[in-house]
C-alpha atoms as a PDB file:
ATOM      1  CA  UNK A   1       9.433  -0.575 -24.144  1.00  0.00           C
ATOM      2  CA  UNK A   2       9.178   2.947 -22.741  1.00  0.00           C
ATOM      3  CA  UNK A   3       7.533   3.746 -19.404  1.00  0.00           C
ATOM      4  CA  UNK A   4       6.908   7.180 -17.907  1.00  0.00           C
ATOM      5  CA  UNK A   5       5.883   8.067 -14.359  1.00  0.00           C
ATOM      6  CA  UNK A   6       4.468  11.557 -13.728  1.00  0.00           C
ATOM      7  CA  UNK A   7       4.148  12.717 -10.117  1.00  0.00           C
ATOM      8  CA  UNK A   8       3.571  15.874  -8.142  1.00  0.00           C
ATOM      9  CA  UNK A   9       6.482  15.703  -5.712  1.00  0.00           C
ATOM     10  CA  UNK A  10       9.994  14.502  -5.139  1.00  0.00           C
ATOM     11  CA  UNK A  11       9.754  11.038  -3.496  1.00  0.00           C
ATOM     12  CA  UNK A  12       6.217  10.243  -4.753  1.00  0.00           C
ATOM     13  CA  UNK A  13       7.556   7.762  -7.309  1.00  0.00           C
ATOM     14  CA  UNK A  14       9.623   5.817  -4.802  1.00  0.00           C
ATOM     15  CA  UNK A  15       6.575   4.973  -2.682  1.00  0.00           C
ATOM     16  CA  UNK A  16       4.151   3.845  -5.400  1.00  0.00           C
ATOM     17  CA  UNK A  17       5.915   2.735  -8.594  1.00  0.00           C
ATOM     18  CA  UNK A  18       9.637   2.195  -7.992  1.00  0.00           C
ATOM     19  CA  UNK A  19       9.124  -1.524  -7.417  1.00  0.00           C
ATOM     20  CA  UNK A  20       7.237  -1.945 -10.688  1.00  0.00           C
ATOM     21  CA  UNK A  21       9.919  -0.044 -12.588  1.00  0.00           C
ATOM     22  CA  UNK A  22      12.652  -2.197 -11.055  1.00  0.00           C
ATOM     23  CA  UNK A  23      10.812  -5.448 -11.819  1.00  0.00           C
ATOM     24  CA  UNK A  24      10.229  -4.294 -15.400  1.00  0.00           C
ATOM     25  CA  UNK A  25      13.922  -3.465 -15.652  1.00  0.00           C
ATOM     26  CA  UNK A  26      14.823  -6.925 -14.396  1.00  0.00           C
ATOM     27  CA  UNK A  27      12.445  -8.442 -16.954  1.00  0.00           C
ATOM     28  CA  UNK A  28      13.542  -6.464 -20.024  1.00  0.00           C
ATOM     29  CA  UNK A  29      17.018  -5.175 -19.211  1.00  0.00           C
ATOM     30  CA  UNK A  30      18.321  -2.761 -21.851  1.00  0.00           C
ATOM     31  CA  UNK A  31      15.069  -3.073 -23.805  1.00  0.00           C
ATOM     32  CA  UNK A  32      13.366  -0.879 -21.170  1.00  0.00           C
ATOM     33  CA  UNK A  33      13.645   2.912 -21.105  1.00  0.00           C
ATOM     34  CA  UNK A  34      12.220   4.490 -17.938  1.00  0.00           C
ATOM     35  CA  UNK A  35      11.609   8.120 -17.068  1.00  0.00           C
ATOM     36  CA  UNK A  36      10.255   9.907 -13.979  1.00  0.00           C
ATOM     37  CA  UNK A  37       8.852  13.445 -14.037  1.00  0.00           C
ATOM     38  CA  UNK A  38       8.135  15.670 -11.025  1.00  0.00           C
ATOM     39  CA  UNK A  39       5.691  18.523 -11.630  1.00  0.00           C
ATOM     40  CA  UNK A  40       6.482  20.947  -8.760  1.00  0.00           C
ATOM     41  CA  UNK A  41       9.477  22.816  -7.363  1.00  0.00           C
ATOM     42  CA  UNK A  42       9.606  20.917  -4.048  1.00  0.00           C
ATOM     43  CA  UNK A  43       9.978  24.062  -1.950  1.00  0.00           C
ATOM     44  CA  UNK A  44       6.964  23.891   0.368  1.00  0.00           C
ATOM     45  CA  UNK A  45       7.294  20.760   2.499  1.00  0.00           C
ATOM     46  CA  UNK A  46       9.732  21.530   5.287  1.00  0.00           C
ATOM     47  CA  UNK A  47       9.763  23.038   8.764  1.00  0.00           C
ATOM     48  CA  UNK A  48      13.243  24.509   9.295  1.00  0.00           C
ATOM     49  CA  UNK A  49      14.891  24.756   5.874  1.00  0.00           C
ATOM     50  CA  UNK A  50      14.222  27.745   3.618  1.00  0.00           C
ATOM     51  CA  UNK A  51      12.124  27.259   0.504  1.00  0.00           C
ATOM     52  CA  UNK A  52      15.129  27.710  -1.765  1.00  0.00           C
ATOM     53  CA  UNK A  53      17.268  25.274   0.229  1.00  0.00           C
ATOM     54  CA  UNK A  54      14.454  22.719   0.383  1.00  0.00           C
ATOM     55  CA  UNK A  55      13.885  22.820  -3.373  1.00  0.00           C
ATOM     56  CA  UNK A  56      17.575  22.368  -4.130  1.00  0.00           C
ATOM     57  CA  UNK A  57      18.003  19.493  -1.671  1.00  0.00           C
ATOM     58  CA  UNK A  58      14.917  17.709  -2.975  1.00  0.00           C
ATOM     59  CA  UNK A  59      16.202  18.019  -6.537  1.00  0.00           C
ATOM     60  CA  UNK A  60      19.572  16.529  -5.599  1.00  0.00           C
ATOM     61  CA  UNK A  61      17.886  13.694  -3.699  1.00  0.00           C
ATOM     62  CA  UNK A  62      15.759  12.791  -6.725  1.00  0.00           C
ATOM     63  CA  UNK A  63      18.776  12.837  -9.005  1.00  0.00           C
ATOM     64  CA  UNK A  64      20.584  10.473  -6.648  1.00  0.00           C
ATOM     65  CA  UNK A  65      17.565   8.139  -6.669  1.00  0.00           C
ATOM     66  CA  UNK A  66      17.539   8.235 -10.473  1.00  0.00           C
ATOM     67  CA  UNK A  67      21.179   7.136 -10.610  1.00  0.00           C
ATOM     68  CA  UNK A  68      20.408   4.181  -8.326  1.00  0.00           C
ATOM     69  CA  UNK A  69      17.174   3.257 -10.099  1.00  0.00           C
ATOM     70  CA  UNK A  70      18.558   3.589 -13.596  1.00  0.00           C
ATOM     71  CA  UNK A  71      15.804   5.897 -14.797  1.00  0.00           C
ATOM     72  CA  UNK A  72      15.928   9.319 -16.454  1.00  0.00           C
ATOM     73  CA  UNK A  73      14.642  12.170 -14.306  1.00  0.00           C
ATOM     74  CA  UNK A  74      13.115  15.449 -15.458  1.00  0.00           C
ATOM     75  CA  UNK A  75      11.554  18.339 -13.578  1.00  0.00           C
ATOM     76  CA  UNK A  76       8.558  19.702 -15.472  1.00  0.00           C
ATOM     77  CA  UNK A  77       8.868  23.230 -16.807  1.00  0.00           C
ATOM     78  CA  UNK A  78       6.032  25.377 -18.073  1.00  0.00           C
ATOM     79  CA  UNK A  79       6.250  27.102 -21.483  1.00  0.00           C
ATOM     80  CA  UNK A  80       7.845  30.158 -19.825  1.00  0.00           C
ATOM     81  CA  UNK A  81      10.588  27.957 -18.341  1.00  0.00           C
ATOM     82  CA  UNK A  82       9.308  28.100 -14.763  1.00  0.00           C
ATOM     83  CA  UNK A  83       8.778  25.023 -12.586  1.00  0.00           C
ATOM     84  CA  UNK A  84       5.233  24.932 -11.092  1.00  0.00           C
ATOM     85  CA  UNK A  85       4.978  25.911  -7.452  1.00  0.00           C
ATOM     86  CA  UNK A  86       4.423  23.170  -4.884  1.00  0.00           C
ATOM     87  CA  UNK A  87       1.283  23.227  -2.695  1.00  0.00           C
ATOM     88  CA  UNK A  88      -0.885  25.143  -5.149  1.00  0.00           C
ATOM     89  CA  UNK A  89      -0.688  23.271  -8.455  1.00  0.00           C
ATOM     90  CA  UNK A  90      -3.704  23.913 -10.679  1.00  0.00           C
ATOM     91  CA  UNK A  91      -4.823  22.625 -14.057  1.00  0.00           C
ATOM     92  CA  UNK A  92      -4.048  25.500 -16.419  1.00  0.00           C
ATOM     93  CA  UNK A  93      -3.412  25.695 -20.172  1.00  0.00           C
ATOM     94  CA  UNK A  94       0.305  26.080 -19.414  1.00  0.00           C
ATOM     95  CA  UNK A  95       0.385  22.904 -17.304  1.00  0.00           C
ATOM     96  CA  UNK A  96      -1.508  20.979 -19.991  1.00  0.00           C
ATOM     97  CA  UNK A  97       0.837  22.322 -22.653  1.00  0.00           C
ATOM     98  CA  UNK A  98       3.939  21.308 -20.695  1.00  0.00           C
ATOM     99  CA  UNK A  99       2.651  17.773 -20.150  1.00  0.00           C
ATOM    100  CA  UNK A 100       1.555  17.520 -23.792  1.00  0.00           C
ATOM    101  CA  UNK A 101       5.022  18.374 -25.076  1.00  0.00           C
ATOM    102  CA  UNK A 102       6.783  16.121 -22.587  1.00  0.00           C
ATOM    103  CA  UNK A 103       4.615  13.089 -23.365  1.00  0.00           C
ATOM    104  CA  UNK A 104       4.817  13.661 -27.121  1.00  0.00           C
ATOM    105  CA  UNK A 105       8.595  13.936 -27.013  1.00  0.00           C
ATOM    106  CA  UNK A 106       9.076  10.758 -24.960  1.00  0.00           C
ATOM    107  CA  UNK A 107       6.243   8.692 -26.523  1.00  0.00           C
ATOM    108  CA  UNK A 108       5.880   6.136 -23.717  1.00  0.00           C
ATOM    109  CA  UNK A 109       4.084   2.841 -24.107  1.00  0.00           C
ATOM    110  CA  UNK A 110       2.808   3.118 -20.522  1.00  0.00           C
ATOM    111  CA  UNK A 111       2.260   6.236 -18.436  1.00  0.00           C
ATOM    112  CA  UNK A 112       1.817   6.141 -14.640  1.00  0.00           C
ATOM    113  CA  UNK A 113       0.147   8.940 -12.672  1.00  0.00           C
ATOM    114  CA  UNK A 114      -1.955   9.502  -9.522  1.00  0.00           C
ATOM    115  CA  UNK A 115      -5.682   8.647  -9.489  1.00  0.00           C
ATOM    116  CA  UNK A 116      -8.661  10.966  -9.243  1.00  0.00           C
ATOM    117  CA  UNK A 117     -10.561  10.002  -6.055  1.00  0.00           C
ATOM    118  CA  UNK A 118     -14.091   8.882  -6.881  1.00  0.00           C
ATOM    119  CA  UNK A 119     -15.371   9.686  -3.389  1.00  0.00           C
ATOM    120  CA  UNK A 120     -15.787  13.446  -2.744  1.00  0.00           C
ATOM    121  CA  UNK A 121     -15.318  12.796   0.973  1.00  0.00           C
ATOM    122  CA  UNK A 122     -11.853  11.325   0.456  1.00  0.00           C
ATOM    123  CA  UNK A 123      -8.872  13.319   1.592  1.00  0.00           C
ATOM    124  CA  UNK A 124      -6.658  14.742  -1.140  1.00  0.00           C
ATOM    125  CA  UNK A 125      -3.410  16.546  -1.785  1.00  0.00           C
ATOM    126  CA  UNK A 126      -4.089  19.396  -4.202  1.00  0.00           C
ATOM    127  CA  UNK A 127      -0.907  18.742  -6.187  1.00  0.00           C
ATOM    128  CA  UNK A 128      -1.647  15.037  -6.617  1.00  0.00           C
ATOM    129  CA  UNK A 129      -5.177  15.676  -7.840  1.00  0.00           C
ATOM    130  CA  UNK A 130      -3.977  18.406 -10.204  1.00  0.00           C
ATOM    131  CA  UNK A 131      -1.448  16.065 -11.814  1.00  0.00           C
ATOM    132  CA  UNK A 132      -4.064  13.333 -12.188  1.00  0.00           C
ATOM    133  CA  UNK A 133      -6.661  15.681 -13.664  1.00  0.00           C
ATOM    134  CA  UNK A 134      -4.124  17.330 -15.977  1.00  0.00           C
ATOM    135  CA  UNK A 135      -3.004  13.976 -17.361  1.00  0.00           C
ATOM    136  CA  UNK A 136      -6.624  12.973 -17.887  1.00  0.00           C
ATOM    137  CA  UNK A 137      -7.483  16.225 -19.642  1.00  0.00           C
ATOM    138  CA  UNK A 138      -4.417  16.297 -21.877  1.00  0.00           C
ATOM    139  CA  UNK A 139      -4.528  12.604 -22.814  1.00  0.00           C
ATOM    140  CA  UNK A 140      -6.831  13.053 -25.813  1.00  0.00           C
ATOM    141  CA  UNK A 141      -4.632  15.889 -27.069  1.00  0.00           C
ATOM    142  CA  UNK A 142      -1.428  13.848 -27.166  1.00  0.00           C
ATOM    143  CA  UNK A 143      -1.972  13.005 -30.838  1.00  0.00           C
ATOM    144  CA  UNK A 144      -3.399  16.435 -31.705  1.00  0.00           C
ATOM    145  CA  UNK A 145      -0.326  18.160 -33.170  1.00  0.00           C
ATOM    146  CA  UNK A 146      -1.632  21.751 -33.055  1.00  0.00           C
ATOM    147  CA  UNK A 147      -3.197  21.598 -29.588  1.00  0.00           C
ATOM    148  CA  UNK A 148      -0.492  23.688 -27.910  1.00  0.00           C
ATOM    149  CA  UNK A 149       1.466  25.256 -30.740  1.00  0.00           C
ATOM    150  CA  UNK A 150       0.637  28.724 -29.362  1.00  0.00           C
ATOM    151  CA  UNK A 151       2.805  27.738 -26.372  1.00  0.00           C
ATOM    152  CA  UNK A 152       5.310  25.693 -28.416  1.00  0.00           C
ATOM    153  CA  UNK A 153       5.421  27.095 -31.976  1.00  0.00           C
ATOM    154  CA  UNK A 154       6.339  24.719 -34.774  1.00  0.00           C
ATOM    155  CA  UNK A 155       5.751  24.240 -38.483  1.00  0.00           C
ATOM    156  CA  UNK A 156       2.019  23.508 -38.488  1.00  0.00           C
ATOM    157  CA  UNK A 157       2.111  22.254 -42.094  1.00  0.00           C
ATOM    158  CA  UNK A 158       4.220  19.217 -41.145  1.00  0.00           C
ATOM    159  CA  UNK A 159       2.846  16.794 -38.565  1.00  0.00           C
ATOM    160  CA  UNK A 160       3.484  13.183 -37.658  1.00  0.00           C
ATOM    161  CA  UNK A 161       1.353  10.716 -35.690  1.00  0.00           C
ATOM    162  CA  UNK A 162       2.301  10.420 -32.016  1.00  0.00           C
ATOM    163  CA  UNK A 163       1.924   7.281 -29.910  1.00  0.00           C
ATOM    164  CA  UNK A 164      -0.734   7.575 -27.184  1.00  0.00           C
ATOM    165  CA  UNK A 165       0.221   5.534 -24.117  1.00  0.00           C
ATOM    166  CA  UNK A 166      -1.795   3.246 -21.920  1.00  0.00           C
ATOM    167  CA  UNK A 167      -2.397   5.335 -18.784  1.00  0.00           C
ATOM    168  CA  UNK A 168      -2.326   3.614 -15.394  1.00  0.00           C
ATOM    169  CA  UNK A 169      -3.166   5.057 -11.985  1.00  0.00           C
ATOM    170  CA  UNK A 170      -0.912   4.272  -9.046  1.00  0.00           C
ATOM    171  CA  UNK A 171      -1.886   4.082  -5.380  1.00  0.00           C
ATOM    172  CA  UNK A 172      -2.268   7.461  -3.630  1.00  0.00           C
ATOM    173  CA  UNK A 173      -1.964   7.494   0.146  1.00  0.00           C
ATOM    174  CA  UNK A 174      -3.508  10.969   0.261  1.00  0.00           C
ATOM    175  CA  UNK A 175      -6.794   9.713  -1.227  1.00  0.00           C
ATOM    176  CA  UNK A 176      -7.797   8.282   2.114  1.00  0.00           C
ATOM    177  CA  UNK A 177     -10.494   5.631   1.783  1.00  0.00           C
ATOM    178  CA  UNK A 178     -10.900   6.024  -1.981  1.00  0.00           C
ATOM    179  CA  UNK A 179      -8.201   3.774  -3.406  1.00  0.00           C
ATOM    180  CA  UNK A 180      -9.115   0.849  -5.635  1.00  0.00           C
ATOM    181  CA  UNK A 181      -7.047  -1.286  -7.984  1.00  0.00           C
ATOM    182  CA  UNK A 182      -7.196  -3.669 -10.897  1.00  0.00           C
ATOM    183  CA  UNK A 183      -3.729  -5.178 -10.687  1.00  0.00           C
ATOM    184  CA  UNK A 184      -1.436  -6.235  -7.877  1.00  0.00           C
ATOM    185  CA  UNK A 185       2.211  -6.715  -8.853  1.00  0.00           C
ATOM    186  CA  UNK A 186       4.751  -8.666  -6.825  1.00  0.00           C
ATOM    187  CA  UNK A 187       7.704  -6.343  -6.102  1.00  0.00           C
ATOM    188  CA  UNK A 188       9.342  -8.354  -3.316  1.00  0.00           C
ATOM    189  CA  UNK A 189      12.513  -8.904  -5.357  1.00  0.00           C
ATOM    190  CA  UNK A 190      12.758  -5.157  -5.949  1.00  0.00           C
ATOM    191  CA  UNK A 191      12.491  -4.253  -2.261  1.00  0.00           C
ATOM    192  CA  UNK A 192      16.240  -3.724  -1.630  1.00  0.00           C
ATOM    193  CA  UNK A 193      16.410  -1.300  -4.573  1.00  0.00           C
ATOM    194  CA  UNK A 194      13.170   0.405  -3.439  1.00  0.00           C
ATOM    195  CA  UNK A 195      14.701   0.961   0.005  1.00  0.00           C
ATOM    196  CA  UNK A 196      17.881   2.349  -1.501  1.00  0.00           C
ATOM    197  CA  UNK A 197      16.038   4.772  -3.766  1.00  0.00           C
ATOM    198  CA  UNK A 198      13.717   6.006  -1.022  1.00  0.00           C
ATOM    199  CA  UNK A 199      16.645   6.343   1.426  1.00  0.00           C
ATOM    200  CA  UNK A 200      18.018   9.060  -0.869  1.00  0.00           C
ATOM    201  CA  UNK A 201      15.181  11.342   0.250  1.00  0.00           C
ATOM    202  CA  UNK A 202      16.643  12.160   3.650  1.00  0.00           C
ATOM    203  CA  UNK A 203      15.018  15.588   3.862  1.00  0.00           C
ATOM    204  CA  UNK A 204      11.698  13.769   3.590  1.00  0.00           C
ATOM    205  CA  UNK A 205      11.975  10.552   5.595  1.00  0.00           C
ATOM    206  CA  UNK A 206      14.330  11.771   8.320  1.00  0.00           C
ATOM    207  CA  UNK A 207      13.118  15.358   8.644  1.00  0.00           C
ATOM    208  CA  UNK A 208       9.797  16.388   7.146  1.00  0.00           C
ATOM    209  CA  UNK A 209       7.605  13.268   7.264  1.00  0.00           C
ATOM    210  CA  UNK A 210       8.247  12.529  10.976  1.00  0.00           C
ATOM    211  CA  UNK A 211       7.710  16.198  11.867  1.00  0.00           C
ATOM    212  CA  UNK A 212       4.464  16.758   9.949  1.00  0.00           C
ATOM    213  CA  UNK A 213       2.925  13.840  11.832  1.00  0.00           C
ATOM    214  CA  UNK A 214       0.533  12.520   9.185  1.00  0.00           C
ATOM    215  CA  UNK A 215       2.482   9.423   8.229  1.00  0.00           C
ATOM    216  CA  UNK A 216       3.043   7.662  11.565  1.00  0.00           C
ATOM    217  CA  UNK A 217       6.759   7.630  10.853  1.00  0.00           C
ATOM    218  CA  UNK A 218       9.643   8.036  13.283  1.00  0.00           C
ATOM    219  CA  UNK A 219      12.921   9.315  11.872  1.00  0.00           C
ATOM    220  CA  UNK A 220      14.959   6.212  10.929  1.00  0.00           C
ATOM    221  CA  UNK A 221      18.472   6.096  12.357  1.00  0.00           C
ATOM    222  CA  UNK A 222      19.921   3.758   9.720  1.00  0.00           C
ATOM    223  CA  UNK A 223      19.211   2.249   6.334  1.00  0.00           C
ATOM    224  CA  UNK A 224      18.317  -1.022   8.057  1.00  0.00           C
ATOM    225  CA  UNK A 225      15.817   0.719  10.316  1.00  0.00           C
ATOM    226  CA  UNK A 226      14.369   2.464   7.292  1.00  0.00           C
ATOM    227  CA  UNK A 227      13.957  -0.849   5.454  1.00  0.00           C
ATOM    228  CA  UNK A 228      11.943  -2.235   8.366  1.00  0.00           C
ATOM    229  CA  UNK A 229       9.769   0.905   8.484  1.00  0.00           C
ATOM    230  CA  UNK A 230       9.167   0.831   4.736  1.00  0.00           C
ATOM    231  CA  UNK A 231       8.153  -2.829   4.809  1.00  0.00           C
ATOM    232  CA  UNK A 232       5.679  -2.079   7.601  1.00  0.00           C
ATOM    233  CA  UNK A 233       4.316   0.850   5.610  1.00  0.00           C
ATOM    234  CA  UNK A 234       3.762  -1.273   2.499  1.00  0.00           C
ATOM    235  CA  UNK A 235       2.196  -4.116   4.484  1.00  0.00           C
ATOM    236  CA  UNK A 236      -0.211  -1.635   6.059  1.00  0.00           C
ATOM    237  CA  UNK A 237      -1.165  -0.358   2.598  1.00  0.00           C
ATOM    238  CA  UNK A 238      -1.909  -3.904   1.501  1.00  0.00           C
ATOM    239  CA  UNK A 239      -4.018  -4.527   4.579  1.00  0.00           C
ATOM    240  CA  UNK A 240      -6.099  -1.437   3.827  1.00  0.00           C
ATOM    241  CA  UNK A 241      -6.633  -2.697   0.288  1.00  0.00           C
ATOM    242  CA  UNK A 242      -7.743  -6.102   1.543  1.00  0.00           C
ATOM    243  CA  UNK A 243      -4.625  -7.970   0.386  1.00  0.00           C
ATOM    244  CA  UNK A 244      -3.556 -10.443   3.065  1.00  0.00           C
ATOM    245  CA  UNK A 245      -0.290 -11.644   1.531  1.00  0.00           C
ATOM    246  CA  UNK A 246       3.005 -10.688   3.187  1.00  0.00           C
ATOM    247  CA  UNK A 247       4.639 -10.553  -0.235  1.00  0.00           C
ATOM    248  CA  UNK A 248       5.179  -6.883  -1.025  1.00  0.00           C
ATOM    249  CA  UNK A 249       3.068  -5.520  -3.876  1.00  0.00           C
ATOM    250  CA  UNK A 250       2.358  -2.328  -5.771  1.00  0.00           C
ATOM    251  CA  UNK A 251      -1.042  -1.579  -7.290  1.00  0.00           C
ATOM    252  CA  UNK A 252      -2.346  -0.205 -10.581  1.00  0.00           C
ATOM    253  CA  UNK A 253      -5.677   0.807 -12.057  1.00  0.00           C
ATOM    254  CA  UNK A 254      -6.217   0.810 -15.826  1.00  0.00           C
ATOM    255  CA  UNK A 255      -7.878   3.928 -17.257  1.00  0.00           C
ATOM    256  CA  UNK A 256      -9.445   4.782 -20.599  1.00  0.00           C
ATOM    257  CA  UNK A 257      -7.728   8.176 -20.625  1.00  0.00           C
ATOM    258  CA  UNK A 258      -5.200   7.128 -23.262  1.00  0.00           C
ATOM    259  CA  UNK A 259      -4.986   4.009 -25.389  1.00  0.00           C
ATOM    260  CA  UNK A 260      -7.279   1.269 -24.119  1.00  0.00           C
ATOM    261  CA  UNK A 261      -5.190  -1.892 -23.919  1.00  0.00           C
ATOM    262  CA  UNK A 262      -6.288  -5.413 -24.675  1.00  0.00           C
ATOM    263  CA  UNK A 263      -6.643  -7.583 -21.600  1.00  0.00           C
ATOM    264  CA  UNK A 264      -4.044  -9.995 -22.995  1.00  0.00           C
ATOM    265  CA  UNK A 265      -1.629  -7.121 -23.630  1.00  0.00           C
ATOM    266  CA  UNK A 266      -1.759  -6.024 -19.998  1.00  0.00           C
ATOM    267  CA  UNK A 267      -1.077  -9.547 -18.752  1.00  0.00           C
ATOM    268  CA  UNK A 268       1.816  -9.987 -21.187  1.00  0.00           C
ATOM    269  CA  UNK A 269       3.499  -6.605 -20.677  1.00  0.00           C
ATOM    270  CA  UNK A 270       3.314  -5.906 -16.949  1.00  0.00           C
ATOM    271  CA  UNK A 271       5.817  -7.753 -14.761  1.00  0.00           C
ATOM    272  CA  UNK A 272       4.910 -10.110 -11.896  1.00  0.00           C
ATOM    273  CA  UNK A 273       1.123  -9.721 -11.827  1.00  0.00           C
ATOM    274  CA  UNK A 274      -0.260 -11.593  -8.817  1.00  0.00           C
ATOM    275  CA  UNK A 275      -3.317 -13.212 -10.341  1.00  0.00           C
ATOM    276  CA  UNK A 276      -4.988 -14.233  -7.082  1.00  0.00           C
ATOM    277  CA  UNK A 277      -4.647 -10.724  -5.605  1.00  0.00           C
ATOM    278  CA  UNK A 278      -5.717  -8.823  -8.740  1.00  0.00           C
ATOM    279  CA  UNK A 279      -9.294  -8.027  -9.752  1.00  0.00           C
ATOM    280  CA  UNK A 280      -9.021  -9.618 -13.177  1.00  0.00           C
ATOM    281  CA  UNK A 281     -12.686 -10.413 -13.836  1.00  0.00           C
ATOM    282  CA  UNK A 282     -13.659  -6.810 -13.158  1.00  0.00           C
ATOM    283  CA  UNK A 283     -10.731  -5.601 -15.263  1.00  0.00           C
ATOM    284  CA  UNK A 284     -11.753  -7.731 -18.228  1.00  0.00           C
ATOM    285  CA  UNK A 285     -15.319  -6.410 -18.012  1.00  0.00           C
ATOM    286  CA  UNK A 286     -14.083  -2.841 -17.698  1.00  0.00           C
ATOM    287  CA  UNK A 287     -11.839  -3.098 -20.729  1.00  0.00           C
ATOM    288  CA  UNK A 288     -14.771  -4.482 -22.714  1.00  0.00           C
ATOM    289  CA  UNK A 289     -16.799  -1.382 -21.774  1.00  0.00           C
ATOM    290  CA  UNK A 290     -13.878   0.915 -22.624  1.00  0.00           C
ATOM    291  CA  UNK A 291     -13.214  -0.551 -26.066  1.00  0.00           C
END
């Protein structure tokens, strides 16, 4: 089993999918191969560090998280070798080409990415929406071998079929008021590892996020204090989604962007689905429409 998470920023993964990845790892062990991709340079979000320093620190923090989480990390590079600039990511042919090559080379069974808010009044982060829209737009092209050969030349007379993944949307805190979900997954047992991975991002949780003031977060003074703050943050997310359980969960929405899965496949593959908290009747009906 191969799973791939594509996000805009350093630390996005830790807050929306790290629990699912850890639970899947606990379920499958060495049979799981996990990869996380960040699509921007990480240079914009700080208040006293220089752009260059911020980008380098964020990269090192993500690499440390990857070592703890046991996943492969990659920073997306465009066809010219440049990493896209944070805070102004746009859907361009070069971004689509870079995602196309990356997905084709890894061939995941499941791909995780941000959602596209359905409500035009919802708040957004431009980078998150760009990643979501780019994944949606490139999804059909994953098994089109000549789609981006101008950017990545190859022998166009020799092609092979490429696996198209099931594409799942994660929760996006920036899409204020517009989040929905099909599946709730119990990640309580992964919480210690989630805390450890997120704690790597000190330039975020101890510096930038408290300063920017949009996350109602005080700078934690210890790992224990951070664990308490993270639990509160996740519980608040669940409350906003109408989930009353104190068991910590992460949330997914099934799309028709890539391969449309069978209902039974989703239930068999994904770890720790909380049946009573998930919207399974609506999911079954949706998958029937998609197929």
